[in-house]
Amino acid sequence: MTLGPLMIDVAGLALTAGEREQLADPLVGGVILFARNFADRGQLQALTAEIRDVRHPAPLIAVDQEGGRVQRFRTGFTLLPPLRWLGHQYDADADRARHLARACGWIMAAELVEAGVDFSFAPCVDLDWGLSGVIGDRALHRDPDAVASLALSYMQGMRAAGMAAVAKHFPGHGAVTADSHHELPVDRRSLPEIDEDIAPYLRLIDHGLAGIMVAHVRYPRVDDRIASLSPLWLRGQLRQRLGFQGAIFTDDLSMAGASVAGSTTERVRQALAAGADMALVCNDPVAAAGALGGLAGFSDPAAHARLVAMRARPVRPGEPPLREHADWQRATAQLAAALDRPPLDLRG
């Protein structure tokens, strides 16, 4: 059995019998978790173990744990600042900001790996053009060099904790006002103008970036298709021009921004044909079931190999709990001091 091309979600704090059956389908390669799937760390560890026990190889388990307003797991986890905060630190002291970015990436990844999560869709490397409300303080900075520098440190922190990074939202969601959750954003810039947004990806790819999530944004001066469903963007720009060899993920194909491409099943087919390795279908179990039915017989060994590389490095047997590690204590204390707030204390 392989890791299939579909990432879906589950409804609650534990799996239902129907969800177990669906996750056993070889076309399912991943599960994304949301705040509704989290009560506390113990429950989360039980849920991720349950997902892994469904089949072999186990589905990849992902989450959006960027920090700030996009942090699905909170109670018992370090509350991370929005990425924009790191950008403000960079303006004051670039070296210190890079150290803090690495600490944030390490803390986020280490806490998730301990809970059984393979990766977070992070970091967000959209430029802060001051236009996008849905991106807003999720953006590190306006300057692509600053974004690349901070994102690289963040990625290196994740890697040190045993987690691969997924940069998003390629080629850039920051220069449009529309929110792709609700409508299709259109960016009317030319490719040379968009290259400023693409620059951080080049730096990360040069340092071994493992994953990229593609945006539901149309760039009509480059291609009529939205980026997440475009062979020009996925095969032409990402694979050929930028030389990216890692896993390509779509943003959630249930979002309104992707609805111009037909039914959810048709969107999934188009995304995979365009060069995506994994298509996300979230918060719509009927659509997810339909997509599975529409992918019967699908196989892509190269995509499977790229997805396998997204598996987190497991916690070694006999290791003490994360919060007893000197590295975790040092990193959380460093972050707390920079934020001028007391560190998380779970000793009680």
Protein backbone atom coordinates (compact mmCIF):
# COMPACT_ATOMS: atom_id res chain seq x y z
CA MET A 1 0.00 0.00 0.00
CA THR A 2 1.20 3.53 -0.79
CA LEU A 3 0.43 7.06 0.35
CA GLY A 4 -2.42 8.15 -1.89
CA PRO A 5 -2.94 11.64 -3.33
CA LEU A 6 -5.84 12.78 -1.12
CA MET A 7 -5.69 14.53 2.26
CA ILE A 8 -8.99 14.64 4.15
CA ASP A 9 -10.21 15.60 7.62
CA VAL A 10 -12.11 13.90 10.44
CA ALA A 11 -15.02 15.18 12.47
CA GLY A 12 -14.13 14.96 16.13
CA LEU A 13 -11.84 13.91 18.95
CA ALA A 14 -11.74 10.23 17.96
CA LEU A 15 -12.36 8.28 14.76
CA THR A 16 -15.76 6.92 13.83
CA ALA A 17 -16.11 3.51 12.23
CA GLY A 18 -16.85 5.18 8.90
CA GLU A 19 -13.71 7.33 9.14
CA ARG A 20 -11.56 4.29 9.88
CA GLU A 21 -12.90 2.62 6.77
CA GLN A 22 -12.28 5.72 4.67
CA LEU A 23 -8.74 6.23 5.98
CA ALA A 24 -7.94 2.62 5.07
CA ASP A 25 -8.51 3.47 1.40
CA PRO A 26 -5.09 3.46 -0.32
CA LEU A 27 -6.04 6.66 -2.17
CA VAL A 28 -6.01 8.55 1.15
CA GLY A 29 -2.51 9.69 1.94
CA GLY A 30 -3.08 12.20 4.70
CA VAL A 31 -5.31 13.64 7.40
CA ILE A 32 -5.43 17.31 8.37
CA LEU A 33 -6.51 18.13 11.91
CA PHE A 34 -8.36 21.23 13.09
CA ALA A 35 -9.19 22.84 16.44
CA ARG A 36 -12.31 20.67 16.65
CA ASN A 37 -10.03 17.61 16.79
CA PHE A 38 -8.22 18.87 19.90
CA ALA A 39 -9.14 18.82 23.58
CA ASP A 40 -5.76 18.33 25.25
CA ARG A 41 -2.37 16.79 24.52
CA GLY A 42 -3.32 13.34 25.81
CA GLN A 43 -6.42 13.18 23.62
CA LEU A 44 -4.42 14.41 20.61
CA GLN A 45 -1.78 11.72 21.08
CA ALA A 46 -4.53 9.10 21.30
CA LEU A 47 -6.15 10.40 18.09
CA THR A 48 -2.91 10.45 16.10
CA ALA A 49 -2.09 6.94 17.33
CA GLU A 50 -5.55 5.80 16.26
CA ILE A 51 -5.03 7.29 12.79
CA ARG A 52 -1.65 5.57 12.45
CA ASP A 53 -3.09 2.22 13.46
CA VAL A 54 -5.66 2.25 10.64
CA ARG A 55 -3.19 0.97 8.01
CA HIS A 56 0.38 0.66 6.85
CA PRO A 57 1.91 2.92 5.73
CA ALA A 58 0.01 5.22 8.06
CA PRO A 59 -1.53 8.36 6.57
CA LEU A 60 0.48 11.54 7.01
CA ILE A 61 -0.95 13.77 9.75
CA ALA A 62 -0.87 17.54 9.26
CA VAL A 63 -2.16 20.72 10.87
CA ASP A 64 -1.97 24.51 10.50
CA GLN A 65 0.11 25.54 13.52
CA GLU A 66 1.66 28.81 12.35
CA GLY A 67 1.17 30.79 15.52
CA GLY A 68 -0.93 33.88 16.19
CA ARG A 69 -4.51 33.49 14.97
CA VAL A 70 -3.64 30.32 13.03
CA GLN A 71 -2.73 27.89 15.79
CA ARG A 72 -5.12 24.94 16.05
CA PHE A 73 -3.71 23.42 19.24
CA ARG A 74 -3.38 25.79 22.17
CA THR A 75 -4.01 24.37 25.65
CA GLY A 76 -0.78 22.72 26.77
CA PHE A 77 1.11 24.00 23.73
CA THR A 78 3.38 27.04 23.62
CA LEU A 79 1.38 30.02 22.35
CA LEU A 80 3.39 31.19 19.38
CA PRO A 81 3.35 34.79 18.13
CA PRO A 82 2.15 35.63 14.61
CA LEU A 83 4.96 35.55 12.07
CA ARG A 84 4.68 39.31 11.61
CA TRP A 85 6.15 39.66 15.11
CA LEU A 86 9.35 38.05 13.84
CA GLY A 87 9.42 40.62 11.06
CA HIS A 88 9.24 43.43 13.61
CA GLN A 89 12.12 41.82 15.50
CA TYR A 90 14.07 41.65 12.24
CA ASP A 91 13.74 45.39 11.74
CA ALA A 92 15.24 45.96 15.18
CA ASP A 93 17.98 43.27 15.12
CA ALA A 94 18.20 40.85 12.19
CA ASP A 95 20.51 38.33 13.87
CA ARG A 96 18.38 38.15 17.00
CA ALA A 97 15.25 37.76 14.86
CA ARG A 98 16.77 34.81 13.03
CA HIS A 99 17.54 33.12 16.34
CA LEU A 100 13.96 33.71 17.47
CA ALA A 101 12.59 32.39 14.16
CA ARG A 102 14.62 29.21 14.60
CA ALA A 103 13.35 28.87 18.16
CA CYS A 104 9.72 29.32 17.03
CA GLY A 105 10.13 26.71 14.30
CA TRP A 106 11.78 24.27 16.69
CA ILE A 107 9.18 24.69 19.45
CA MET A 108 6.26 24.35 17.06
CA ALA A 109 7.71 21.25 15.40
CA ALA A 110 8.96 19.54 18.56
CA GLU A 111 5.61 19.87 20.32
CA LEU A 112 3.73 18.52 17.30
CA VAL A 113 6.12 15.61 16.71
CA GLU A 114 5.73 14.59 20.35
CA ALA A 115 1.94 14.55 19.79
CA GLY A 116 2.23 12.34 16.71
CA VAL A 117 1.77 14.99 14.02
CA ASP A 118 4.02 14.73 10.95
CA PHE A 119 4.07 18.33 9.77
CA SER A 120 2.52 21.77 9.94
CA PHE A 121 1.69 23.78 6.84
CA ALA A 122 4.27 26.40 7.76
CA PRO A 123 5.90 28.81 7.31
CA CYS A 124 3.74 31.28 5.42
CA VAL A 125 6.09 33.18 3.09
CA ASP A 126 3.58 35.52 1.43
CA LEU A 127 4.91 39.06 1.21
CA ASP A 128 3.14 41.69 3.30
CA TRP A 129 1.83 43.99 0.58
CA GLY A 130 -0.69 45.46 3.05
CA LEU A 131 -3.61 44.25 0.93
CA SER A 132 -4.67 40.80 2.10
CA GLY A 133 -6.75 40.54 5.25
CA VAL A 134 -6.65 36.74 5.29
CA ILE A 135 -2.83 36.86 5.25
CA GLY A 136 -2.29 40.00 7.34
CA ASP A 137 0.01 39.30 10.29
CA ARG A 138 0.68 35.78 9.00
CA ALA A 139 3.21 37.42 6.65
CA LEU A 140 6.75 37.78 7.97
CA HIS A 141 7.67 41.02 6.16
CA ARG A 142 7.30 43.10 3.02
CA ASP A 143 10.95 42.66 2.02
CA PRO A 144 11.52 39.33 0.21
CA ASP A 145 15.08 39.12 1.56
CA ALA A 146 13.80 39.47 5.12
CA VAL A 147 11.09 36.87 4.47
CA ALA A 148 13.63 34.45 2.98
CA SER A 149 16.07 34.93 5.85
CA LEU A 150 13.49 34.47 8.61
CA ALA A 151 11.71 31.60 6.85
CA LEU A 152 15.01 29.78 6.37
CA SER A 153 15.80 30.03 10.09
CA TYR A 154 12.26 28.88 10.91
CA MET A 155 12.63 25.91 8.53
CA GLN A 156 15.97 24.99 10.05
CA GLY A 157 14.40 25.00 13.50
CA MET A 158 11.66 22.67 12.28
CA ARG A 159 14.21 20.37 10.68
CA ALA A 160 16.25 20.19 13.89
CA ALA A 161 13.09 19.01 15.68
CA GLY A 162 12.47 16.29 13.07
CA MET A 163 9.85 17.99 10.89
CA ALA A 164 9.78 19.02 7.23
CA ALA A 165 8.58 22.51 6.31
CA VAL A 166 5.79 23.40 3.87
CA ALA A 167 6.09 26.96 2.55
CA LYS A 168 2.88 28.64 1.36
CA HIS A 169 0.99 30.04 -0.58
CA PHE A 170 2.88 29.72 -3.87
CA PRO A 171 3.44 31.86 -5.87
CA GLY A 172 2.02 34.48 -3.47
CA HIS A 173 -1.29 35.40 -1.85
CA GLY A 174 -0.25 38.72 -0.33
CA ALA A 175 -0.93 41.05 -3.26
CA VAL A 176 -4.69 40.40 -3.55
CA THR A 177 -7.53 41.62 -1.35
CA ALA A 178 -9.94 38.72 -1.91
CA ASP A 179 -9.93 35.76 0.48
CA SER A 180 -9.74 32.48 -1.47
CA HIS A 181 -11.85 30.81 1.24
CA HIS A 182 -14.81 32.84 -0.06
CA GLU A 183 -14.02 33.95 -3.63
CA LEU A 184 -11.39 33.66 -6.32
CA PRO A 185 -8.61 36.26 -5.95
CA VAL A 186 -7.17 37.62 -9.19
CA ASP A 187 -3.63 39.03 -9.30
CA ARG A 188 -3.10 40.98 -12.52
CA ARG A 189 0.67 41.37 -12.26
CA SER A 190 3.08 39.99 -14.85
CA LEU A 191 5.49 37.17 -14.05
CA PRO A 192 8.48 39.53 -13.63
CA GLU A 193 6.43 41.49 -11.09
CA ILE A 194 5.46 38.29 -9.24
CA ASP A 195 9.11 37.19 -9.08
CA GLU A 196 9.53 39.30 -5.95
CA ASP A 197 6.98 37.04 -4.21
CA ILE A 198 8.69 33.93 -5.57
CA ALA A 199 12.15 34.95 -4.31
CA PRO A 200 11.78 33.45 -0.79
CA TYR A 201 10.91 30.07 -2.34
CA LEU A 202 14.18 30.08 -4.26
CA ARG A 203 16.18 30.51 -1.05
CA LEU A 204 14.26 27.77 0.75
CA ILE A 205 14.47 25.37 -2.20
CA ASP A 206 18.24 25.89 -2.31
CA HIS A 207 18.32 24.73 1.33
CA GLY A 208 16.23 21.60 0.87
CA LEU A 209 12.61 22.74 1.30
CA ALA A 210 10.47 19.58 1.44
CA GLY A 211 6.96 20.90 0.71
CA ILE A 212 5.08 23.76 -0.94
CA MET A 213 1.36 24.59 -0.78
CA VAL A 214 -0.07 26.27 -3.87
CA ALA A 215 -2.63 29.09 -3.74
CA HIS A 216 -6.10 29.31 -5.24
CA VAL A 217 -5.26 32.56 -7.02
CA ARG A 218 -5.51 33.36 -10.73
CA TYR A 219 -2.70 35.28 -12.40
CA PRO A 220 -4.27 35.97 -15.85
CA ARG A 221 -1.15 37.61 -17.30
CA VAL A 222 0.68 34.32 -16.66
CA ASP A 223 -2.00 31.63 -17.05
CA ASP A 224 -5.80 31.50 -17.20
CA ARG A 225 -5.95 28.58 -14.74
CA ILE A 226 -5.75 29.17 -11.00
CA ALA A 227 -2.26 28.37 -9.72
CA SER A 228 -3.26 25.28 -7.74
CA LEU A 229 -4.63 23.63 -10.92
CA SER A 230 -2.10 24.96 -13.41
CA PRO A 231 0.54 22.81 -15.17
CA LEU A 232 2.32 26.04 -16.04
CA TRP A 233 2.72 26.98 -12.39
CA LEU A 234 3.32 23.51 -10.95
CA ARG A 235 5.37 21.79 -13.64
CA GLY A 236 6.66 24.81 -15.52
CA GLN A 237 7.54 27.22 -12.72
CA LEU A 238 7.98 25.04 -9.61
CA ARG A 239 9.53 21.91 -11.10
CA GLN A 240 11.39 23.22 -14.15
CA ARG A 241 12.25 26.85 -13.51
CA LEU A 242 12.80 26.71 -9.73
CA GLY A 243 14.03 23.11 -9.62
CA PHE A 244 11.77 22.13 -6.74
CA GLN A 245 11.95 18.37 -6.05
CA GLY A 246 9.74 18.18 -2.96
CA ALA A 247 6.03 17.53 -2.40
CA ILE A 248 3.42 19.88 -3.89
CA PHE A 249 0.17 20.31 -1.92
CA THR A 250 -2.93 22.16 -3.04
CA ASP A 251 -4.75 24.45 -0.67
CA ASP A 252 -8.17 23.09 0.35
CA LEU A 253 -10.04 22.33 -2.87
CA SER A 254 -13.37 22.77 -1.08
CA MET A 255 -12.68 26.50 -0.82
CA ALA A 256 -14.72 28.87 -2.96
CA GLY A 257 -11.59 30.08 -4.71
CA ALA A 258 -11.33 26.71 -6.46
CA SER A 259 -15.01 26.42 -7.38
CA VAL A 260 -14.45 27.88 -10.87
CA ALA A 261 -12.92 24.52 -11.84
CA GLY A 262 -16.10 22.44 -11.47
CA SER A 263 -16.99 19.80 -8.90
CA THR A 264 -14.58 18.90 -6.12
CA THR A 265 -13.77 15.63 -7.91
CA GLU A 266 -12.95 17.55 -11.09
CA ARG A 267 -10.76 19.96 -9.11
CA VAL A 268 -8.82 17.08 -7.57
CA ARG A 269 -8.28 15.46 -10.97
CA GLN A 270 -7.09 18.76 -12.46
CA ALA A 271 -4.71 19.41 -9.58
CA LEU A 272 -3.10 15.98 -9.84
CA ALA A 273 -2.89 16.23 -13.64
CA ALA A 274 -1.22 19.64 -13.26
CA GLY A 275 1.50 18.16 -11.06
CA ALA A 276 0.27 18.27 -7.45
CA ASP A 277 1.30 15.34 -5.26
CA MET A 278 -1.49 15.71 -2.71
CA ALA A 279 -4.88 17.41 -2.97
CA LEU A 280 -6.67 18.63 0.15
CA VAL A 281 -10.45 18.24 0.53
CA CYS A 282 -11.59 19.53 3.91
CA ASN A 283 -14.85 20.13 5.78
CA ASP A 284 -16.93 18.36 3.13
CA PRO A 285 -17.10 14.59 3.75
CA VAL A 286 -19.50 14.04 0.85
CA ALA A 287 -17.06 15.73 -1.55
CA ALA A 288 -14.16 13.75 -0.09
CA ALA A 289 -16.02 10.49 -0.65
CA GLY A 290 -16.85 11.55 -4.19
CA ALA A 291 -13.22 12.43 -4.90
CA LEU A 292 -12.12 9.00 -3.68
CA GLY A 293 -14.60 7.35 -6.02
CA GLY A 294 -13.38 9.48 -8.90
CA LEU A 295 -9.73 8.51 -8.38
CA ALA A 296 -10.14 4.75 -8.70
CA GLY A 297 -6.97 3.22 -10.13
CA PHE A 298 -4.86 6.36 -9.68
CA SER A 299 -1.16 5.71 -9.04
CA ASP A 300 1.90 7.97 -8.98
CA PRO A 301 5.03 6.28 -7.53
CA ALA A 302 7.11 9.47 -7.80
CA ALA A 303 4.55 11.42 -5.79
CA HIS A 304 4.49 8.64 -3.18
CA ALA A 305 8.27 8.94 -2.76
CA ARG A 306 8.04 12.69 -2.28
CA LEU A 307 5.23 12.31 0.27
CA VAL A 308 7.15 9.69 2.27
CA ALA A 309 9.81 12.35 2.85
CA MET A 310 7.20 14.41 4.73
CA ARG A 311 7.03 11.86 7.56
CA ALA A 312 8.28 13.32 10.85
CA ARG A 313 11.29 11.80 12.57
CA PRO A 314 9.71 9.73 15.34
CA VAL A 315 10.42 10.25 19.01
CA ARG A 316 12.96 7.64 20.07
CA PRO A 317 11.80 5.04 22.63
CA GLY A 318 12.87 5.90 26.15
CA GLU A 319 13.28 9.61 25.49
CA PRO A 320 12.09 11.78 28.37
CA PRO A 321 9.01 13.96 27.82
CA LEU A 322 9.71 16.99 25.66
CA ARG A 323 9.14 19.45 28.47
CA GLU A 324 11.99 17.86 30.43
CA HIS A 325 14.45 18.50 27.60
CA ALA A 326 16.92 21.31 28.15
CA ASP A 327 16.43 22.36 24.51
CA TRP A 328 12.69 22.90 24.98
CA GLN A 329 13.18 24.77 28.24
CA ARG A 330 15.86 26.97 26.69
CA ALA A 331 13.85 27.73 23.54
CA THR A 332 10.61 28.53 25.36
CA ALA A 333 12.47 30.71 27.85
CA GLN A 334 14.14 32.57 24.96
CA LEU A 335 10.79 33.18 23.30
CA ALA A 336 9.08 34.18 26.54
CA ALA A 337 11.82 36.67 27.33
CA ALA A 338 11.49 38.23 23.87
CA LEU A 339 7.72 38.42 24.27
CA ASP A 340 8.10 39.65 27.86
CA ARG A 341 5.75 37.01 29.22
CA PRO A 342 6.29 34.09 31.63
CA PRO A 343 7.16 30.74 29.98
CA LEU A 344 4.66 27.89 29.88
CA ASP A 345 4.91 25.86 33.10
CA LEU A 346 3.31 22.42 33.07
CA ARG A 347 5.11 20.93 36.05
CA GLY A 348 1.93 20.88 38.09
